[in-house]
All heavy atoms as atom14 arrays in JSON, in Angstrom:
{
  "sequence": "GEVEILLETVQPVRPVIAIFGVGHVGLALAKILALFEIELWLVDSRP",
  "atom14_mask": [
    [1, 1, 1, 1, 0, 0, 0, 0, 0, 0, 0, 0, 0, 0],
    [1, 1, 1, 1, 1, 1, 1, 1, 1, 0, 0, 0, 0, 0],
    [1, 1, 1, 1, 1, 1, 1, 0, 0, 0, 0, 0, 0, 0],
    [1, 1, 1, 1, 1, 1, 1, 1, 1, 0, 0, 0, 0, 0],
    [1, 1, 1, 1, 1, 1, 1, 1, 0, 0, 0, 0, 0, 0],
    [1, 1, 1, 1, 1, 1, 1, 1, 0, 0, 0, 0, 0, 0],
    [1, 1, 1, 1, 1, 1, 1, 1, 0, 0, 0, 0, 0, 0],
    [1, 1, 1, 1, 1, 1, 1, 1, 1, 0, 0, 0, 0, 0],
    [1, 1, 1, 1, 1, 1, 1, 0, 0, 0, 0, 0, 0, 0],
    [1, 1, 1, 1, 1, 1, 1, 0, 0, 0, 0, 0, 0, 0],
    [1, 1, 1, 1, 1, 1, 1, 1, 1, 0, 0, 0, 0, 0],
    [1, 1, 1, 1, 1, 1, 1, 0, 0, 0, 0, 0, 0, 0],
    [1, 1, 1, 1, 1, 1, 1, 0, 0, 0, 0, 0, 0, 0],
    [1, 1, 1, 1, 1, 1, 1, 1, 1, 1, 1, 0, 0, 0],
    [1, 1, 1, 1, 1, 1, 1, 0, 0, 0, 0, 0, 0, 0],
    [1, 1, 1, 1, 1, 1, 1, 0, 0, 0, 0, 0, 0, 0],
    [1, 1, 1, 1, 1, 1, 1, 1, 0, 0, 0, 0, 0, 0],
    [1, 1, 1, 1, 1, 0, 0, 0, 0, 0, 0, 0, 0, 0],
    [1, 1, 1, 1, 1, 1, 1, 1, 0, 0, 0, 0, 0, 0],
    [1, 1, 1, 1, 1, 1, 1, 1, 1, 1, 1, 0, 0, 0],
    [1, 1, 1, 1, 0, 0, 0, 0, 0, 0, 0, 0, 0, 0],
    [1, 1, 1, 1, 1, 1, 1, 0, 0, 0, 0, 0, 0, 0],
    [1, 1, 1, 1, 0, 0, 0, 0, 0, 0, 0, 0, 0, 0],
    [1, 1, 1, 1, 1, 1, 1, 1, 1, 1, 0, 0, 0, 0],
    [1, 1, 1, 1, 1, 1, 1, 0, 0, 0, 0, 0, 0, 0],
    [1, 1, 1, 1, 0, 0, 0, 0, 0, 0, 0, 0, 0, 0],
    [1, 1, 1, 1, 1, 1, 1, 1, 0, 0, 0, 0, 0, 0],
    [1, 1, 1, 1, 1, 0, 0, 0, 0, 0, 0, 0, 0, 0],
    [1, 1, 1, 1, 1, 1, 1, 1, 0, 0, 0, 0, 0, 0],
    [1, 1, 1, 1, 1, 0, 0, 0, 0, 0, 0, 0, 0, 0],
    [1, 1, 1, 1, 1, 1, 1, 1, 1, 0, 0, 0, 0, 0],
    [1, 1, 1, 1, 1, 1, 1, 1, 0, 0, 0, 0, 0, 0],
    [1, 1, 1, 1, 1, 1, 1, 1, 0, 0, 0, 0, 0, 0],
    [1, 1, 1, 1, 1, 0, 0, 0, 0, 0, 0, 0, 0, 0],
    [1, 1, 1, 1, 1, 1, 1, 1, 0, 0, 0, 0, 0, 0],
    [1, 1, 1, 1, 1, 1, 1, 1, 1, 1, 1, 0, 0, 0],
    [1, 1, 1, 1, 1, 1, 1, 1, 1, 0, 0, 0, 0, 0],
    [1, 1, 1, 1, 1, 1, 1, 1, 0, 0, 0, 0, 0, 0],
    [1, 1, 1, 1, 1, 1, 1, 1, 1, 0, 0, 0, 0, 0],
    [1, 1, 1, 1, 1, 1, 1, 1, 0, 0, 0, 0, 0, 0],
    [1, 1, 1, 1, 1, 1, 1, 1, 1, 1, 1, 1, 1, 1],
    [1, 1, 1, 1, 1, 1, 1, 1, 0, 0, 0, 0, 0, 0],
    [1, 1, 1, 1, 1, 1, 1, 0, 0, 0, 0, 0, 0, 0],
    [1, 1, 1, 1, 1, 1, 1, 1, 0, 0, 0, 0, 0, 0],
    [1, 1, 1, 1, 1, 1, 0, 0, 0, 0, 0, 0, 0, 0],
    [1, 1, 1, 1, 1, 1, 1, 1, 1, 1, 1, 0, 0, 0],
    [1, 1, 1, 1, 1, 1, 1, 0, 0, 0, 0, 0, 0, 0]
  ],
  "atom14_positions": [
    [[-14.42, -10.07, 47.73], [-14.59, -8.65, 47.43], [-15.87, -8.37, 46.65], [-16.73, -9.19, 46.46], [0.0, 0.0, 0.0], [0.0, 0.0, 0.0], [0.0, 0.0, 0.0], [0.0, 0.0, 0.0], [0.0, 0.0, 0.0], [0.0, 0.0, 0.0], [0.0, 0.0, 0.0], [0.0, 0.0, 0.0], [0.0, 0.0, 0.0], [0.0, 0.0, 0.0]],
    [[-15.89, -7.09, 46.22], [-17.02, -6.6, 45.4], [-16.47, -5.78, 44.28], [-15.62, -4.89, 44.51], [-17.98, -5.79, 46.3], [-19.21, -5.34, 45.61], [-20.1, -4.55, 46.57], [-20.94, -5.16, 47.23], [-19.96, -3.3, 46.65], [0.0, 0.0, 0.0], [0.0, 0.0, 0.0], [0.0, 0.0, 0.0], [0.0, 0.0, 0.0], [0.0, 0.0, 0.0]],
    [[-16.92, -6.04, 43.07], [-16.37, -5.41, 41.89], [-17.46, -4.63, 41.16], [-18.55, -5.23, 40.91], [-15.72, -6.42, 40.95], [-15.13, -5.77, 39.72], [-14.59, -7.16, 41.7], [0.0, 0.0, 0.0], [0.0, 0.0, 0.0], [0.0, 0.0, 0.0], [0.0, 0.0, 0.0], [0.0, 0.0, 0.0], [0.0, 0.0, 0.0], [0.0, 0.0, 0.0]],
    [[-17.23, -3.43, 40.8], [-18.14, -2.67, 39.96], [-17.6, -2.71, 38.52], [-16.44, -2.4, 38.25], [-18.3, -1.23, 40.41], [-19.34, -0.48, 39.63], [-19.57, 0.97, 40.1], [-18.73, 1.46, 40.85], [-20.57, 1.56, 39.69], [0.0, 0.0, 0.0], [0.0, 0.0, 0.0], [0.0, 0.0, 0.0], [0.0, 0.0, 0.0], [0.0, 0.0, 0.0]],
    [[-18.46, -3.1, 37.61], [-18.08, -3.29, 36.18], [-18.81, -2.23, 35.34], [-19.97, -1.95, 35.53], [-18.45, -4.7, 35.7], [-17.74, -5.78, 36.5], [-18.16, -4.87, 34.21], [-16.22, -5.77, 36.29], [0.0, 0.0, 0.0], [0.0, 0.0, 0.0], [0.0, 0.0, 0.0], [0.0, 0.0, 0.0], [0.0, 0.0, 0.0], [0.0, 0.0, 0.0]],
    [[-18.04, -1.73, 34.37], [-18.55, -0.76, 33.41], [-18.56, -1.42, 31.99], [-17.55, -1.96, 31.6], [-17.72, 0.52, 33.37], [-18.09, 1.59, 32.36], [-19.39, 2.32, 32.79], [-16.96, 2.63, 32.24], [0.0, 0.0, 0.0], [0.0, 0.0, 0.0], [0.0, 0.0, 0.0], [0.0, 0.0, 0.0], [0.0, 0.0, 0.0], [0.0, 0.0, 0.0]],
    [[-19.74, -1.38, 31.35], [-19.82, -1.92, 29.96], [-20.09, -0.76, 29.01], [-21.08, -0.04, 29.21], [-21.0, -2.92, 29.88], [-20.98, -4.1, 30.87], [-22.22, -4.95, 30.65], [-19.72, -4.93, 30.7], [0.0, 0.0, 0.0], [0.0, 0.0, 0.0], [0.0, 0.0, 0.0], [0.0, 0.0, 0.0], [0.0, 0.0, 0.0], [0.0, 0.0, 0.0]],
    [[-19.23, -0.61, 28.03], [-19.41, 0.45, 27.02], [-19.51, -0.18, 25.61], [-18.62, -0.81, 25.11], [-18.17, 1.39, 27.06], [-17.94, 2.08, 28.33], [-16.63, 2.88, 28.33], [-16.64, 4.08, 27.92], [-15.57, 2.3, 28.71], [0.0, 0.0, 0.0], [0.0, 0.0, 0.0], [0.0, 0.0, 0.0], [0.0, 0.0, 0.0], [0.0, 0.0, 0.0]],
    [[-20.7, 0.08, 25.03], [-20.92, -0.49, 23.66], [-20.26, 0.4, 22.62], [-20.41, 1.63, 22.62], [-22.44, -0.61, 23.39], [-23.05, -1.31, 24.45], [-22.7, -1.29, 22.09], [0.0, 0.0, 0.0], [0.0, 0.0, 0.0], [0.0, 0.0, 0.0], [0.0, 0.0, 0.0], [0.0, 0.0, 0.0], [0.0, 0.0, 0.0], [0.0, 0.0, 0.0]],
    [[-19.59, -0.25, 21.69], [-18.94, 0.43, 20.58], [-19.51, -0.1, 19.26], [-19.43, -1.28, 18.99], [-17.41, 0.28, 20.56], [-16.79, 1.03, 19.42], [-16.83, 0.75, 21.9], [0.0, 0.0, 0.0], [0.0, 0.0, 0.0], [0.0, 0.0, 0.0], [0.0, 0.0, 0.0], [0.0, 0.0, 0.0], [0.0, 0.0, 0.0], [0.0, 0.0, 0.0]],
    [[-20.16, 0.81, 18.5], [-20.73, 0.42, 17.22], [-20.0, 1.19, 16.12], [-20.37, 2.31, 15.77], [-22.23, 0.79, 17.15], [-23.07, 0.07, 18.21], [-23.38, -1.38, 17.88], [-22.9, -1.89, 16.88], [-24.18, -1.98, 18.71], [0.0, 0.0, 0.0], [0.0, 0.0, 0.0], [0.0, 0.0, 0.0], [0.0, 0.0, 0.0], [0.0, 0.0, 0.0]],
    [[-18.89, 0.66, 15.59], [-18.01, 1.37, 14.71], [-18.51, 1.4, 13.28], [-18.04, 0.66, 12.43], [-16.67, 0.67, 14.79], [-17.09, -0.75, 15.09], [-18.37, -0.7, 15.86], [0.0, 0.0, 0.0], [0.0, 0.0, 0.0], [0.0, 0.0, 0.0], [0.0, 0.0, 0.0], [0.0, 0.0, 0.0], [0.0, 0.0, 0.0], [0.0, 0.0, 0.0]],
    [[-19.51, 2.23, 13.01], [-20.05, 2.23, 11.66], [-19.78, 3.59, 11.01], [-20.13, 4.65, 11.53], [-21.6, 2.05, 11.71], [-22.2, 2.09, 10.33], [-21.89, 0.68, 12.34], [0.0, 0.0, 0.0], [0.0, 0.0, 0.0], [0.0, 0.0, 0.0], [0.0, 0.0, 0.0], [0.0, 0.0, 0.0], [0.0, 0.0, 0.0], [0.0, 0.0, 0.0]],
    [[-19.11, 3.56, 9.89], [-18.93, 4.79, 9.1], [-20.15, 5.08, 8.3], [-20.74, 4.16, 7.71], [-17.72, 4.62, 8.15], [-16.37, 4.65, 8.75], [-15.29, 4.66, 7.7], [-13.96, 4.77, 8.28], [-12.95, 5.37, 7.64], [-13.15, 5.87, 6.43], [-11.78, 5.46, 8.2], [0.0, 0.0, 0.0], [0.0, 0.0, 0.0], [0.0, 0.0, 0.0]],
    [[-20.57, 6.34, 8.2], [-21.69, 6.65, 7.29], [-21.31, 6.27, 5.84], [-20.16, 6.43, 5.46], [-21.84, 8.15, 7.42], [-21.16, 8.52, 8.68], [-20.07, 7.52, 8.9], [0.0, 0.0, 0.0], [0.0, 0.0, 0.0], [0.0, 0.0, 0.0], [0.0, 0.0, 0.0], [0.0, 0.0, 0.0], [0.0, 0.0, 0.0], [0.0, 0.0, 0.0]],
    [[-22.28, 5.77, 5.13], [-22.07, 5.37, 3.73], [-22.74, 6.38, 2.81], [-23.97, 6.64, 2.98], [-22.59, 3.94, 3.46], [-22.45, 3.61, 1.98], [-21.84, 2.92, 4.31], [0.0, 0.0, 0.0], [0.0, 0.0, 0.0], [0.0, 0.0, 0.0], [0.0, 0.0, 0.0], [0.0, 0.0, 0.0], [0.0, 0.0, 0.0], [0.0, 0.0, 0.0]],
    [[-22.01, 6.94, 1.86], [-22.57, 7.83, 0.85], [-22.19, 7.25, -0.54], [-21.0, 7.02, -0.81], [-22.04, 9.25, 0.99], [-22.4, 9.82, 2.38], [-22.64, 10.15, -0.09], [-21.9, 11.21, 2.64], [0.0, 0.0, 0.0], [0.0, 0.0, 0.0], [0.0, 0.0, 0.0], [0.0, 0.0, 0.0], [0.0, 0.0, 0.0], [0.0, 0.0, 0.0]],
    [[-23.17, 7.1, -1.37], [-22.92, 6.52, -2.75], [-23.18, 7.61, -3.77], [-24.22, 8.3, -3.7], [-23.79, 5.33, -2.96], [0.0, 0.0, 0.0], [0.0, 0.0, 0.0], [0.0, 0.0, 0.0], [0.0, 0.0, 0.0], [0.0, 0.0, 0.0], [0.0, 0.0, 0.0], [0.0, 0.0, 0.0], [0.0, 0.0, 0.0], [0.0, 0.0, 0.0]],
    [[-22.24, 7.78, -4.64], [-22.45, 8.68, -5.79], [-22.62, 7.79, -7.04], [-21.74, 7.07, -7.44], [-21.22, 9.59, -6.0], [-21.03, 10.46, -4.75], [-21.41, 10.45, -7.24], [-19.8, 11.38, -4.85], [0.0, 0.0, 0.0], [0.0, 0.0, 0.0], [0.0, 0.0, 0.0], [0.0, 0.0, 0.0], [0.0, 0.0, 0.0], [0.0, 0.0, 0.0]],
    [[-23.79, 7.94, -7.63], [-24.13, 7.18, -8.86], [-23.88, 8.13, -10.02], [-24.64, 9.06, -10.28], [-25.55, 6.73, -8.86], [-25.81, 5.65, -7.85], [-26.16, 5.95, -6.51], [-25.73, 4.29, -8.19], [-26.42, 4.95, -5.62], [-25.99, 3.29, -7.25], [-26.34, 3.62, -5.96], [0.0, 0.0, 0.0], [0.0, 0.0, 0.0], [0.0, 0.0, 0.0]],
    [[-22.75, 7.88, -10.73], [-22.36, 8.76, -11.84], [-21.19, 9.59, -11.4], [-21.33, 10.54, -10.67], [0.0, 0.0, 0.0], [0.0, 0.0, 0.0], [0.0, 0.0, 0.0], [0.0, 0.0, 0.0], [0.0, 0.0, 0.0], [0.0, 0.0, 0.0], [0.0, 0.0, 0.0], [0.0, 0.0, 0.0], [0.0, 0.0, 0.0], [0.0, 0.0, 0.0]],
    [[-19.99, 9.24, -11.91], [-18.78, 9.92, -11.49], [-18.23, 10.74, -12.67], [-17.05, 10.63, -13.05], [-17.72, 8.95, -10.97], [-16.63, 9.69, -10.19], [-18.39, 7.9, -10.01], [0.0, 0.0, 0.0], [0.0, 0.0, 0.0], [0.0, 0.0, 0.0], [0.0, 0.0, 0.0], [0.0, 0.0, 0.0], [0.0, 0.0, 0.0], [0.0, 0.0, 0.0]],
    [[-19.11, 11.56, -13.26], [-18.66, 12.5, -14.26], [-18.01, 13.7, -13.64], [-17.52, 13.6, -12.52], [0.0, 0.0, 0.0], [0.0, 0.0, 0.0], [0.0, 0.0, 0.0], [0.0, 0.0, 0.0], [0.0, 0.0, 0.0], [0.0, 0.0, 0.0], [0.0, 0.0, 0.0], [0.0, 0.0, 0.0], [0.0, 0.0, 0.0], [0.0, 0.0, 0.0]],
    [[-17.98, 14.87, -14.32], [-17.26, 16.0, -13.79], [-17.91, 16.52, -12.51], [-17.2, 16.9, -11.53], [-17.14, 17.12, -14.81], [-18.44, 17.69, -15.26], [-19.28, 17.01, -16.15], [-19.04, 18.84, -14.93], [-20.36, 17.77, -16.36], [-20.25, 18.86, -15.66], [0.0, 0.0, 0.0], [0.0, 0.0, 0.0], [0.0, 0.0, 0.0], [0.0, 0.0, 0.0]],
    [[-19.23, 16.47, -12.4], [-19.92, 16.9, -11.15], [-19.72, 15.88, -10.06], [-19.37, 16.19, -8.89], [-21.41, 17.14, -11.38], [-22.08, 17.56, -10.09], [-21.61, 18.22, -12.47], [0.0, 0.0, 0.0], [0.0, 0.0, 0.0], [0.0, 0.0, 0.0], [0.0, 0.0, 0.0], [0.0, 0.0, 0.0], [0.0, 0.0, 0.0], [0.0, 0.0, 0.0]],
    [[-19.94, 14.58, -10.39], [-19.75, 13.52, -9.4], [-18.33, 13.45, -8.83], [-18.16, 13.3, -7.64], [0.0, 0.0, 0.0], [0.0, 0.0, 0.0], [0.0, 0.0, 0.0], [0.0, 0.0, 0.0], [0.0, 0.0, 0.0], [0.0, 0.0, 0.0], [0.0, 0.0, 0.0], [0.0, 0.0, 0.0], [0.0, 0.0, 0.0], [0.0, 0.0, 0.0]],
    [[-17.34, 13.66, -9.69], [-15.96, 13.62, -9.23], [-15.65, 14.82, -8.33], [-14.96, 14.67, -7.34], [-15.03, 13.59, -10.41], [-13.53, 13.51, -10.1], [-13.2, 12.23, -9.31], [-12.68, 13.59, -11.42], [0.0, 0.0, 0.0], [0.0, 0.0, 0.0], [0.0, 0.0, 0.0], [0.0, 0.0, 0.0], [0.0, 0.0, 0.0], [0.0, 0.0, 0.0]],
    [[-16.14, 15.99, -8.7], [-15.92, 17.15, -7.89], [-16.5, 16.98, -6.48], [-15.88, 17.32, -5.45], [-16.5, 18.41, -8.56], [0.0, 0.0, 0.0], [0.0, 0.0, 0.0], [0.0, 0.0, 0.0], [0.0, 0.0, 0.0], [0.0, 0.0, 0.0], [0.0, 0.0, 0.0], [0.0, 0.0, 0.0], [0.0, 0.0, 0.0], [0.0, 0.0, 0.0]],
    [[-17.7, 16.39, -6.43], [-18.32, 16.12, -5.15], [-17.56, 15.05, -4.36], [-17.35, 15.14, -3.16], [-19.77, 15.69, -5.39], [-20.59, 15.43, -4.13], [-20.63, 16.68, -3.21], [-22.02, 15.03, -4.51], [0.0, 0.0, 0.0], [0.0, 0.0, 0.0], [0.0, 0.0, 0.0], [0.0, 0.0, 0.0], [0.0, 0.0, 0.0], [0.0, 0.0, 0.0]],
    [[-17.08, 14.02, -5.08], [-16.3, 12.95, -4.44], [-15.05, 13.53, -3.78], [-14.63, 13.07, -2.67], [-15.96, 11.89, -5.43], [0.0, 0.0, 0.0], [0.0, 0.0, 0.0], [0.0, 0.0, 0.0], [0.0, 0.0, 0.0], [0.0, 0.0, 0.0], [0.0, 0.0, 0.0], [0.0, 0.0, 0.0], [0.0, 0.0, 0.0], [0.0, 0.0, 0.0]],
    [[-14.39, 14.5, -4.42], [-13.18, 15.07, -3.85], [-13.44, 15.75, -2.52], [-12.6, 15.78, -1.61], [-12.56, 16.04, -4.82], [-11.93, 15.34, -6.05], [-11.41, 16.35, -7.05], [-10.82, 15.68, -8.25], [-10.34, 16.64, -9.3], [0.0, 0.0, 0.0], [0.0, 0.0, 0.0], [0.0, 0.0, 0.0], [0.0, 0.0, 0.0], [0.0, 0.0, 0.0]],
    [[-14.65, 16.35, -2.39], [-15.03, 16.99, -1.12], [-15.36, 15.96, -0.07], [-14.9, 16.0, 1.05], [-16.18, 17.97, -1.32], [-15.78, 19.1, -2.27], [-16.67, 18.51, -0.02], [-16.94, 19.96, -2.71], [0.0, 0.0, 0.0], [0.0, 0.0, 0.0], [0.0, 0.0, 0.0], [0.0, 0.0, 0.0], [0.0, 0.0, 0.0], [0.0, 0.0, 0.0]],
    [[-16.22, 14.98, -0.43], [-16.66, 13.95, 0.5], [-15.5, 13.07, 0.98], [-15.58, 12.57, 2.09], [-17.75, 13.11, -0.14], [-19.08, 13.82, -0.39], [-20.04, 12.88, -1.14], [-19.75, 14.28, 0.96], [0.0, 0.0, 0.0], [0.0, 0.0, 0.0], [0.0, 0.0, 0.0], [0.0, 0.0, 0.0], [0.0, 0.0, 0.0], [0.0, 0.0, 0.0]],
    [[-14.52, 12.9, 0.13], [-13.35, 12.05, 0.51], [-12.59, 12.62, 1.67], [-11.82, 11.91, 2.35], [-12.44, 11.82, -0.66], [0.0, 0.0, 0.0], [0.0, 0.0, 0.0], [0.0, 0.0, 0.0], [0.0, 0.0, 0.0], [0.0, 0.0, 0.0], [0.0, 0.0, 0.0], [0.0, 0.0, 0.0], [0.0, 0.0, 0.0], [0.0, 0.0, 0.0]],
    [[-12.79, 13.89, 2.02], [-12.09, 14.51, 3.16], [-12.63, 13.99, 4.46], [-11.94, 14.14, 5.5], [-12.23, 16.02, 3.08], [-11.67, 16.74, 1.84], [-12.01, 18.2, 1.89], [-10.15, 16.57, 1.78], [0.0, 0.0, 0.0], [0.0, 0.0, 0.0], [0.0, 0.0, 0.0], [0.0, 0.0, 0.0], [0.0, 0.0, 0.0], [0.0, 0.0, 0.0]],
    [[-13.81, 13.4, 4.47], [-14.47, 12.98, 5.71], [-14.32, 11.49, 5.96], [-14.12, 10.71, 5.05], [-15.94, 13.38, 5.67], [-16.17, 14.88, 5.51], [-16.33, 15.41, 4.24], [-16.15, 15.71, 6.59], [-16.54, 16.78, 4.08], [-16.36, 17.05, 6.45], [-16.53, 17.61, 5.22], [0.0, 0.0, 0.0], [0.0, 0.0, 0.0], [0.0, 0.0, 0.0]],
    [[-14.46, 11.09, 7.19], [-14.33, 9.68, 7.58], [-15.67, 8.98, 7.27], [-16.45, 8.68, 8.19], [-13.91, 9.54, 9.07], [-12.5, 10.03, 9.28], [-12.0, 9.68, 10.67], [-12.79, 9.22, 11.49], [-10.81, 9.87, 10.92], [0.0, 0.0, 0.0], [0.0, 0.0, 0.0], [0.0, 0.0, 0.0], [0.0, 0.0, 0.0], [0.0, 0.0, 0.0]],
    [[-15.86, 8.71, 6.05], [-17.07, 8.01, 5.61], [-16.65, 6.82, 4.72], [-15.48, 6.66, 4.38], [-18.0, 8.93, 4.78], [-17.28, 9.38, 3.5], [-18.47, 10.12, 5.63], [-18.18, 10.16, 2.5], [0.0, 0.0, 0.0], [0.0, 0.0, 0.0], [0.0, 0.0, 0.0], [0.0, 0.0, 0.0], [0.0, 0.0, 0.0], [0.0, 0.0, 0.0]],
    [[-17.65, 6.01, 4.34], [-17.4, 5.04, 3.28], [-18.07, 5.55, 2.04], [-19.28, 5.78, 1.96], [-18.05, 3.68, 3.73], [-17.65, 2.57, 2.76], [-18.05, 1.19, 3.33], [-17.66, 0.87, 4.43], [-18.78, 0.5, 2.61], [0.0, 0.0, 0.0], [0.0, 0.0, 0.0], [0.0, 0.0, 0.0], [0.0, 0.0, 0.0], [0.0, 0.0, 0.0]],
    [[-17.25, 5.82, 1.03], [-17.7, 6.47, -0.18], [-17.77, 5.48, -1.33], [-16.75, 4.94, -1.73], [-16.75, 7.64, -0.52], [-17.04, 8.44, -1.79], [-18.4, 9.13, -1.66], [-15.91, 9.52, -1.99], [0.0, 0.0, 0.0], [0.0, 0.0, 0.0], [0.0, 0.0, 0.0], [0.0, 0.0, 0.0], [0.0, 0.0, 0.0], [0.0, 0.0, 0.0]],
    [[-18.98, 5.23, -1.81], [-19.14, 4.33, -2.96], [-19.25, 5.16, -4.22], [-20.04, 6.05, -4.33], [-20.46, 3.52, -2.77], [-20.45, 2.53, -1.66], [-19.8, 2.57, -0.49], [-21.22, 1.32, -1.65], [-20.07, 1.47, 0.3], [-20.94, 0.72, -0.38], [-22.1, 0.69, -2.54], [-21.5, -0.53, -0.05], [-22.68, -0.51, -2.17], [-22.37, -1.12, -0.93]],
    [[-18.41, 4.81, -5.18], [-18.44, 5.5, -6.5], [-18.91, 4.46, -7.52], [-18.25, 3.43, -7.73], [-16.99, 5.99, -6.81], [-16.4, 6.94, -5.81], [-14.99, 7.36, -6.26], [-17.26, 8.16, -5.64], [0.0, 0.0, 0.0], [0.0, 0.0, 0.0], [0.0, 0.0, 0.0], [0.0, 0.0, 0.0], [0.0, 0.0, 0.0], [0.0, 0.0, 0.0]],
    [[-20.02, 4.79, -8.15], [-20.68, 3.81, -9.04], [-20.9, 4.42, -10.4], [-21.44, 5.5, -10.5], [-22.08, 3.42, -8.42], [-22.64, 2.23, -9.16], [-21.94, 3.13, -6.93], [0.0, 0.0, 0.0], [0.0, 0.0, 0.0], [0.0, 0.0, 0.0], [0.0, 0.0, 0.0], [0.0, 0.0, 0.0], [0.0, 0.0, 0.0], [0.0, 0.0, 0.0]],
    [[-20.5, 3.73, -11.44], [-20.64, 4.21, -12.82], [-20.66, 3.02, -13.74], [-19.98, 2.03, -13.56], [-19.54, 5.21, -13.17], [-19.99, 6.22, -14.21], [-20.38, 5.8, -15.33], [-19.96, 7.44, -13.91], [0.0, 0.0, 0.0], [0.0, 0.0, 0.0], [0.0, 0.0, 0.0], [0.0, 0.0, 0.0], [0.0, 0.0, 0.0], [0.0, 0.0, 0.0]],
    [[-21.44, 3.19, -14.83], [-21.47, 2.15, -15.89], [-20.33, 2.31, -16.88], [-20.14, 1.45, -17.73], [-22.79, 2.15, -16.54], [-23.07, 3.43, -17.17], [0.0, 0.0, 0.0], [0.0, 0.0, 0.0], [0.0, 0.0, 0.0], [0.0, 0.0, 0.0], [0.0, 0.0, 0.0], [0.0, 0.0, 0.0], [0.0, 0.0, 0.0], [0.0, 0.0, 0.0]],
    [[-19.63, 3.42, -16.8], [-18.55, 3.7, -17.77], [-17.21, 3.48, -17.12], [-16.81, 4.22, -16.19], [-18.66, 5.14, -18.23], [-19.99, 5.52, -18.85], [-20.19, 7.0, -18.95], [-20.32, 7.63, -17.59], [-20.34, 8.94, -17.36], [-20.28, 9.79, -18.41], [-20.47, 9.4, -16.15], [0.0, 0.0, 0.0], [0.0, 0.0, 0.0], [0.0, 0.0, 0.0]],
    [[-16.45, 2.49, -17.53], [-15.13, 2.17, -16.9], [-14.17, 3.36, -16.97], [-13.34, 3.49, -16.05], [-14.67, 0.97, -17.65], [-15.42, 0.93, -18.94], [-16.74, 1.56, -18.62], [0.0, 0.0, 0.0], [0.0, 0.0, 0.0], [0.0, 0.0, 0.0], [0.0, 0.0, 0.0], [0.0, 0.0, 0.0], [0.0, 0.0, 0.0], [0.0, 0.0, 0.0]]
  ]
}
């Protein structure tokens, strides 16, 4: 026989957004960005 093949590339990469400083402004922004299918990095020197 003869077979036709379809190749579909899948690159499953979530956008990465990093917030440096999670004070009151950073946290407010993080609450909005967390609604989206992204990878959200929260970075702060204050535990």
